[in-house]
N, C-alpha and C. Protein backbone atom coordinates (compact mmCIF):
# COMPACT_ATOMS: atom_id res chain seq x y z
N UNK A 1 -42.57 19.29 -26.31
CA UNK A 1 -42.06 19.86 -27.51
C UNK A 1 -40.66 20.46 -27.27
N UNK A 2 -40.53 21.28 -26.24
CA UNK A 2 -39.24 21.92 -25.95
C UNK A 2 -38.53 21.12 -24.87
N UNK A 3 -37.43 20.49 -25.21
CA UNK A 3 -36.68 19.61 -24.30
C UNK A 3 -35.60 20.38 -23.54
N UNK A 4 -35.64 21.69 -23.58
CA UNK A 4 -34.59 22.48 -22.96
C UNK A 4 -34.58 22.29 -21.44
N UNK A 5 -35.70 22.14 -20.81
CA UNK A 5 -35.79 21.93 -19.36
C UNK A 5 -35.19 20.60 -18.94
N UNK A 6 -35.33 19.58 -19.77
CA UNK A 6 -34.76 18.26 -19.46
C UNK A 6 -33.24 18.30 -19.45
N UNK A 7 -32.63 19.03 -20.38
CA UNK A 7 -31.17 19.08 -20.43
C UNK A 7 -30.61 19.86 -19.25
N UNK A 8 -31.31 20.88 -18.77
CA UNK A 8 -30.84 21.64 -17.61
C UNK A 8 -30.82 20.75 -16.39
N UNK A 9 -31.84 19.93 -16.19
CA UNK A 9 -31.89 19.02 -15.04
C UNK A 9 -30.77 17.97 -15.15
N UNK A 10 -30.56 17.42 -16.34
CA UNK A 10 -29.52 16.42 -16.54
C UNK A 10 -28.14 17.00 -16.29
N UNK A 11 -27.89 18.21 -16.78
CA UNK A 11 -26.60 18.85 -16.55
C UNK A 11 -26.37 19.12 -15.06
N UNK A 12 -27.41 19.51 -14.35
CA UNK A 12 -27.28 19.77 -12.92
C UNK A 12 -26.99 18.48 -12.15
N UNK A 13 -27.65 17.40 -12.50
CA UNK A 13 -27.43 16.11 -11.84
C UNK A 13 -26.00 15.62 -12.09
N UNK A 14 -25.53 15.73 -13.32
CA UNK A 14 -24.16 15.32 -13.65
C UNK A 14 -23.15 16.19 -12.90
N UNK A 15 -23.40 17.49 -12.83
CA UNK A 15 -22.51 18.40 -12.12
C UNK A 15 -22.43 18.04 -10.64
N UNK A 16 -23.54 17.77 -10.02
CA UNK A 16 -23.55 17.40 -8.59
C UNK A 16 -22.85 16.06 -8.38
N UNK A 17 -23.09 15.09 -9.25
CA UNK A 17 -22.45 13.78 -9.12
C UNK A 17 -20.94 13.88 -9.26
N UNK A 18 -20.46 14.65 -10.22
CA UNK A 18 -19.02 14.83 -10.39
C UNK A 18 -18.40 15.55 -9.20
N UNK A 19 -19.08 16.52 -8.64
CA UNK A 19 -18.59 17.21 -7.45
C UNK A 19 -18.52 16.27 -6.25
N UNK A 20 -19.49 15.38 -6.10
CA UNK A 20 -19.46 14.40 -5.00
C UNK A 20 -18.28 13.44 -5.16
N UNK A 21 -18.03 12.98 -6.37
CA UNK A 21 -16.90 12.09 -6.63
C UNK A 21 -15.59 12.81 -6.34
N UNK A 22 -15.47 14.03 -6.81
CA UNK A 22 -14.26 14.82 -6.56
C UNK A 22 -14.06 15.04 -5.07
N UNK A 23 -15.13 15.35 -4.35
CA UNK A 23 -15.04 15.56 -2.91
C UNK A 23 -14.62 14.30 -2.17
N UNK A 24 -15.11 13.15 -2.59
CA UNK A 24 -14.73 11.88 -1.97
C UNK A 24 -13.26 11.57 -2.21
N UNK A 25 -12.78 11.79 -3.42
CA UNK A 25 -11.37 11.55 -3.73
C UNK A 25 -10.48 12.49 -2.92
N UNK A 26 -10.86 13.73 -2.81
CA UNK A 26 -10.08 14.69 -2.02
C UNK A 26 -10.08 14.33 -0.54
N UNK A 27 -11.21 13.84 -0.03
CA UNK A 27 -11.29 13.44 1.38
C UNK A 27 -10.36 12.28 1.66
N UNK A 28 -10.32 11.28 0.77
CA UNK A 28 -9.41 10.15 0.94
C UNK A 28 -7.97 10.61 0.88
N UNK A 29 -7.66 11.49 -0.04
CA UNK A 29 -6.29 12.01 -0.16
C UNK A 29 -5.89 12.77 1.10
N UNK A 30 -6.76 13.61 1.61
CA UNK A 30 -6.45 14.38 2.82
C UNK A 30 -6.29 13.46 4.02
N UNK A 31 -7.13 12.43 4.12
CA UNK A 31 -7.01 11.47 5.21
C UNK A 31 -5.67 10.74 5.14
N UNK A 32 -5.29 10.28 3.96
CA UNK A 32 -3.99 9.61 3.79
C UNK A 32 -2.84 10.55 4.12
N UNK A 33 -2.95 11.78 3.72
CA UNK A 33 -1.89 12.74 4.00
C UNK A 33 -1.79 13.06 5.48
N UNK A 34 -2.92 13.14 6.15
CA UNK A 34 -2.90 13.49 7.56
C UNK A 34 -2.27 12.40 8.41
N UNK A 35 -2.46 11.16 8.03
CA UNK A 35 -1.82 10.05 8.75
C UNK A 35 -0.38 9.85 8.32
N UNK A 36 0.01 10.44 7.21
CA UNK A 36 1.36 10.24 6.70
C UNK A 36 1.50 8.92 5.97
N UNK A 37 0.39 8.30 5.62
CA UNK A 37 0.42 6.98 5.01
C UNK A 37 1.12 6.99 3.65
N UNK A 38 0.88 8.02 2.87
CA UNK A 38 1.49 8.07 1.54
C UNK A 38 3.01 8.09 1.62
N UNK A 39 3.52 8.89 2.53
CA UNK A 39 4.97 9.00 2.67
C UNK A 39 5.57 7.70 3.18
N UNK A 40 4.92 7.11 4.18
CA UNK A 40 5.44 5.87 4.74
C UNK A 40 5.33 4.70 3.76
N UNK A 41 4.26 4.66 2.97
CA UNK A 41 4.14 3.61 1.94
C UNK A 41 5.30 3.71 0.96
N UNK A 42 5.56 4.90 0.47
CA UNK A 42 6.66 5.10 -0.47
C UNK A 42 8.00 4.77 0.17
N UNK A 43 8.20 5.24 1.38
CA UNK A 43 9.46 5.04 2.07
C UNK A 43 9.74 3.56 2.29
N UNK A 44 8.79 2.83 2.83
CA UNK A 44 9.00 1.41 3.11
C UNK A 44 9.14 0.59 1.83
N UNK A 45 8.34 0.89 0.80
CA UNK A 45 8.44 0.13 -0.45
C UNK A 45 9.80 0.33 -1.10
N UNK A 46 10.28 1.56 -1.14
CA UNK A 46 11.59 1.82 -1.73
C UNK A 46 12.71 1.22 -0.90
N UNK A 47 12.59 1.32 0.43
CA UNK A 47 13.62 0.77 1.30
C UNK A 47 13.73 -0.75 1.14
N UNK A 48 12.59 -1.44 1.10
CA UNK A 48 12.62 -2.89 0.94
C UNK A 48 13.18 -3.26 -0.43
N UNK A 49 12.77 -2.54 -1.49
CA UNK A 49 13.28 -2.85 -2.83
C UNK A 49 14.78 -2.62 -2.91
N UNK A 50 15.28 -1.55 -2.32
CA UNK A 50 16.72 -1.30 -2.35
C UNK A 50 17.48 -2.34 -1.54
N UNK A 51 16.91 -2.77 -0.42
CA UNK A 51 17.55 -3.85 0.35
C UNK A 51 17.61 -5.14 -0.45
N UNK A 52 16.55 -5.44 -1.20
CA UNK A 52 16.53 -6.65 -2.02
C UNK A 52 17.54 -6.56 -3.16
N UNK A 53 17.73 -5.38 -3.71
CA UNK A 53 18.71 -5.22 -4.79
C UNK A 53 20.14 -5.41 -4.28
N UNK A 54 20.40 -5.05 -3.05
CA UNK A 54 21.74 -5.18 -2.48
C UNK A 54 21.98 -6.53 -1.81
N UNK A 55 20.94 -7.32 -1.65
CA UNK A 55 21.05 -8.58 -0.92
C UNK A 55 21.77 -9.64 -1.75
N UNK A 56 22.35 -10.58 -1.03
CA UNK A 56 23.01 -11.75 -1.64
C UNK A 56 22.27 -13.00 -1.18
N UNK A 57 22.34 -14.08 -1.96
CA UNK A 57 21.67 -15.31 -1.55
C UNK A 57 22.16 -15.80 -0.19
N UNK A 58 21.21 -16.24 0.63
CA UNK A 58 21.53 -16.72 1.96
C UNK A 58 21.36 -15.67 3.04
N UNK A 59 21.09 -14.44 2.65
CA UNK A 59 20.94 -13.36 3.63
C UNK A 59 19.54 -13.36 4.23
N UNK A 60 19.46 -12.96 5.48
CA UNK A 60 18.18 -12.70 6.15
C UNK A 60 18.22 -11.26 6.64
N UNK A 61 17.29 -10.47 6.17
CA UNK A 61 17.23 -9.05 6.51
C UNK A 61 16.06 -8.85 7.46
N UNK A 62 16.29 -8.12 8.54
CA UNK A 62 15.20 -7.77 9.45
C UNK A 62 14.99 -6.27 9.40
N UNK A 63 13.72 -5.88 9.38
CA UNK A 63 13.35 -4.49 9.23
C UNK A 63 12.28 -4.15 10.25
N UNK A 64 12.55 -3.15 11.09
CA UNK A 64 11.58 -2.70 12.09
C UNK A 64 10.53 -1.84 11.40
N UNK A 65 9.29 -2.26 11.47
CA UNK A 65 8.21 -1.55 10.79
C UNK A 65 7.15 -1.08 11.78
N UNK A 66 7.58 -0.63 12.94
CA UNK A 66 6.66 -0.21 13.99
C UNK A 66 5.77 0.94 13.52
N UNK A 67 6.35 1.91 12.85
CA UNK A 67 5.58 3.07 12.39
C UNK A 67 4.50 2.66 11.38
N UNK A 68 4.82 1.73 10.50
CA UNK A 68 3.85 1.25 9.52
C UNK A 68 2.69 0.54 10.21
N UNK A 69 2.98 -0.26 11.21
CA UNK A 69 1.93 -0.97 11.94
C UNK A 69 1.04 0.01 12.69
N UNK A 70 1.63 1.03 13.28
CA UNK A 70 0.84 2.04 14.00
C UNK A 70 -0.11 2.79 13.06
N UNK A 71 0.38 3.13 11.87
CA UNK A 71 -0.48 3.83 10.90
C UNK A 71 -1.58 2.90 10.42
N UNK A 72 -1.27 1.65 10.17
CA UNK A 72 -2.29 0.69 9.73
C UNK A 72 -3.35 0.50 10.82
N UNK A 73 -2.94 0.53 12.06
CA UNK A 73 -3.90 0.40 13.15
C UNK A 73 -4.77 1.65 13.27
N UNK A 74 -4.24 2.83 12.93
CA UNK A 74 -5.07 4.05 12.91
C UNK A 74 -6.17 3.92 11.88
N UNK A 75 -5.83 3.34 10.74
CA UNK A 75 -6.82 3.13 9.68
C UNK A 75 -7.80 2.03 10.03
N UNK A 76 -7.46 1.20 10.99
CA UNK A 76 -8.20 -0.02 11.32
C UNK A 76 -8.30 -0.91 10.10
N UNK A 77 -7.38 -0.78 9.20
CA UNK A 77 -7.20 -1.61 8.01
C UNK A 77 -8.53 -2.01 7.37
N UNK A 78 -9.16 -1.05 6.73
CA UNK A 78 -10.42 -1.22 6.01
C UNK A 78 -11.54 -1.67 6.93
N UNK A 79 -11.61 -1.09 8.11
CA UNK A 79 -12.70 -1.38 9.02
C UNK A 79 -12.46 -2.54 9.96
N UNK A 80 -11.38 -3.27 9.79
CA UNK A 80 -11.07 -4.41 10.66
C UNK A 80 -9.95 -4.02 11.59
N UNK A 81 -10.08 -4.40 12.86
CA UNK A 81 -9.00 -4.16 13.82
C UNK A 81 -7.81 -5.01 13.40
N UNK A 82 -6.63 -4.41 13.44
CA UNK A 82 -5.41 -5.10 13.03
C UNK A 82 -4.56 -5.32 14.27
N UNK A 83 -4.23 -6.57 14.54
CA UNK A 83 -3.30 -6.84 15.63
C UNK A 83 -1.89 -6.70 15.08
N UNK A 84 -0.97 -6.31 15.94
CA UNK A 84 0.39 -6.10 15.46
C UNK A 84 1.06 -7.40 15.04
N UNK A 85 0.52 -8.55 15.47
CA UNK A 85 1.14 -9.82 15.10
C UNK A 85 0.89 -10.20 13.64
N UNK A 86 -0.28 -9.85 13.10
CA UNK A 86 -0.56 -10.22 11.71
C UNK A 86 -0.64 -9.01 10.77
N UNK A 87 -0.29 -7.84 11.26
CA UNK A 87 -0.41 -6.63 10.44
C UNK A 87 0.55 -6.65 9.26
N UNK A 88 1.78 -7.06 9.48
CA UNK A 88 2.77 -6.99 8.41
C UNK A 88 2.44 -7.91 7.24
N UNK A 89 1.79 -9.02 7.51
CA UNK A 89 1.42 -9.91 6.40
C UNK A 89 0.38 -9.25 5.50
N UNK A 90 -0.38 -8.30 6.04
CA UNK A 90 -1.36 -7.58 5.24
C UNK A 90 -0.78 -6.30 4.64
N UNK A 91 0.23 -5.74 5.28
CA UNK A 91 0.80 -4.46 4.84
C UNK A 91 1.76 -4.63 3.67
N UNK A 92 2.67 -5.59 3.75
CA UNK A 92 3.72 -5.76 2.74
C UNK A 92 3.43 -7.01 1.91
N UNK A 93 3.50 -6.85 0.60
CA UNK A 93 3.33 -8.00 -0.28
C UNK A 93 4.34 -7.94 -1.41
N UNK A 94 4.66 -9.10 -1.94
CA UNK A 94 5.60 -9.21 -3.06
C UNK A 94 4.90 -9.82 -4.25
N UNK A 95 5.15 -9.27 -5.42
CA UNK A 95 4.75 -9.90 -6.66
C UNK A 95 6.03 -10.42 -7.30
N UNK A 96 6.28 -11.71 -7.14
CA UNK A 96 7.55 -12.28 -7.58
C UNK A 96 7.67 -12.35 -9.10
N UNK A 97 6.53 -12.39 -9.80
CA UNK A 97 6.57 -12.43 -11.26
C UNK A 97 7.03 -11.09 -11.84
N UNK A 98 6.57 -9.99 -11.25
CA UNK A 98 6.92 -8.67 -11.74
C UNK A 98 8.02 -8.00 -10.94
N UNK A 99 8.52 -8.68 -9.89
CA UNK A 99 9.53 -8.13 -8.99
C UNK A 99 9.08 -6.79 -8.39
N UNK A 100 7.89 -6.80 -7.80
CA UNK A 100 7.31 -5.60 -7.20
C UNK A 100 7.12 -5.79 -5.71
N UNK A 101 7.50 -4.79 -4.95
CA UNK A 101 7.19 -4.72 -3.52
C UNK A 101 6.03 -3.74 -3.39
N UNK A 102 4.96 -4.15 -2.71
CA UNK A 102 3.82 -3.28 -2.50
C UNK A 102 3.59 -3.10 -1.01
N UNK A 103 3.48 -1.86 -0.59
CA UNK A 103 3.19 -1.54 0.81
C UNK A 103 1.87 -0.77 0.82
N UNK A 104 0.89 -1.30 1.54
CA UNK A 104 -0.42 -0.66 1.65
C UNK A 104 -0.77 -0.52 3.12
N UNK A 105 -0.84 0.70 3.59
CA UNK A 105 -1.13 0.95 5.00
C UNK A 105 -2.60 1.21 5.28
N UNK A 106 -3.37 1.53 4.26
CA UNK A 106 -4.78 1.84 4.48
C UNK A 106 -5.67 0.61 4.40
N UNK A 107 -5.20 -0.46 3.79
CA UNK A 107 -6.01 -1.67 3.68
C UNK A 107 -7.07 -1.61 2.62
N UNK A 108 -7.08 -0.58 1.82
CA UNK A 108 -8.08 -0.45 0.77
C UNK A 108 -7.54 -0.91 -0.58
N UNK A 109 -6.50 -1.71 -0.55
CA UNK A 109 -5.88 -2.13 -1.79
C UNK A 109 -4.96 -1.03 -2.28
N UNK A 110 -4.41 -1.24 -3.41
CA UNK A 110 -3.52 -0.22 -3.95
C UNK A 110 -2.23 -0.13 -3.17
N UNK A 111 -2.01 0.97 -2.52
CA UNK A 111 -0.75 1.17 -1.83
C UNK A 111 0.28 1.71 -2.79
N UNK A 112 1.54 1.54 -2.44
CA UNK A 112 2.62 2.03 -3.27
C UNK A 112 3.50 0.85 -3.64
N UNK A 113 3.76 0.70 -4.93
CA UNK A 113 4.59 -0.39 -5.43
C UNK A 113 5.90 0.15 -5.97
N UNK A 114 6.95 -0.63 -5.75
CA UNK A 114 8.27 -0.25 -6.25
C UNK A 114 8.96 -1.50 -6.75
N UNK A 115 9.64 -1.38 -7.86
CA UNK A 115 10.26 -2.54 -8.51
C UNK A 115 11.67 -2.77 -7.98
N UNK A 116 11.99 -4.05 -7.76
CA UNK A 116 13.36 -4.42 -7.44
C UNK A 116 13.91 -5.25 -8.59
N UNK A 117 15.23 -5.29 -8.74
CA UNK A 117 15.82 -5.87 -9.93
C UNK A 117 16.56 -7.18 -9.70
N UNK A 118 16.80 -7.54 -8.46
CA UNK A 118 17.50 -8.79 -8.20
C UNK A 118 16.59 -9.96 -8.56
N UNK A 119 17.19 -11.03 -8.98
CA UNK A 119 16.42 -12.18 -9.44
C UNK A 119 16.60 -13.35 -8.48
N UNK A 120 16.27 -13.13 -7.20
CA UNK A 120 16.40 -14.15 -6.18
C UNK A 120 15.01 -14.60 -5.73
N UNK A 121 14.99 -15.72 -5.04
CA UNK A 121 13.75 -16.20 -4.42
C UNK A 121 13.64 -15.50 -3.06
N UNK A 122 12.64 -14.66 -2.91
CA UNK A 122 12.47 -13.85 -1.71
C UNK A 122 11.21 -14.28 -0.98
N UNK A 123 11.34 -14.48 0.34
CA UNK A 123 10.17 -14.79 1.17
C UNK A 123 10.10 -13.79 2.31
N UNK A 124 8.87 -13.43 2.66
CA UNK A 124 8.63 -12.49 3.75
C UNK A 124 8.05 -13.25 4.94
N UNK A 125 8.50 -12.90 6.12
CA UNK A 125 7.98 -13.49 7.35
C UNK A 125 7.81 -12.38 8.36
N UNK A 126 6.62 -12.26 8.93
CA UNK A 126 6.40 -11.20 9.90
C UNK A 126 6.48 -11.76 11.31
N UNK A 127 7.19 -11.06 12.14
CA UNK A 127 7.35 -11.41 13.55
C UNK A 127 7.00 -10.19 14.38
N UNK A 128 5.71 -10.01 14.63
CA UNK A 128 5.26 -8.83 15.35
C UNK A 128 5.41 -7.59 14.50
N UNK A 129 6.26 -6.67 14.94
CA UNK A 129 6.48 -5.44 14.17
C UNK A 129 7.75 -5.52 13.35
N UNK A 130 8.38 -6.68 13.32
CA UNK A 130 9.63 -6.87 12.57
C UNK A 130 9.34 -7.72 11.34
N UNK A 131 9.75 -7.20 10.19
CA UNK A 131 9.62 -7.94 8.93
C UNK A 131 10.94 -8.64 8.66
N UNK A 132 10.86 -9.94 8.43
CA UNK A 132 12.05 -10.71 8.12
C UNK A 132 12.00 -11.09 6.64
N UNK A 133 13.05 -10.73 5.92
CA UNK A 133 13.13 -10.99 4.48
C UNK A 133 14.25 -12.00 4.26
N UNK A 134 13.89 -13.15 3.69
CA UNK A 134 14.88 -14.18 3.41
C UNK A 134 15.16 -14.21 1.92
N UNK A 135 16.43 -14.16 1.57
CA UNK A 135 16.85 -14.12 0.17
C UNK A 135 17.60 -15.40 -0.13
N UNK A 136 17.12 -16.16 -1.11
CA UNK A 136 17.75 -17.40 -1.52
C UNK A 136 17.96 -17.39 -3.02
N UNK A 137 18.87 -18.22 -3.51
CA UNK A 137 19.10 -18.35 -4.94
C UNK A 137 17.90 -19.07 -5.55
N UNK A 138 17.48 -18.68 -6.74
CA UNK A 138 16.30 -19.31 -7.39
C UNK A 138 16.54 -20.77 -7.71
N UNK A 139 17.77 -21.18 -7.95
CA UNK A 139 18.07 -22.57 -8.30
C UNK A 139 17.99 -23.49 -7.11
N UNK A 140 18.09 -22.96 -5.91
CA UNK A 140 18.10 -23.80 -4.71
C UNK A 140 16.75 -24.32 -4.36
């Protein structure tokens, strides 16, 4: 007859579930902050985008990403050991349709994306801890 006891239990369960979700999000944030991943993701994404904006067709840009590889190895890239030879292909990605550079050091997807404005054909090639960016004209 009196459903008041049922609502108290439901409210308590919802409160505990929301606290667990909040705690998990805060733990991930603190872990990212402690490794410095957030700062390095932003730094590398912006640096690559600015280099692409200043690039001319025919240029090859090399970028030392040793610190990014070391952070990705600390994370073990979503539970998988990352060798430095193939780490950059997983860390840096380009969305050529939207002109976005995405750098993800944790391997959990997401990462930090930054837009570049040049309209060139860009290819990425990883050579150990060095990222090689080739810029070509789209018509070529």
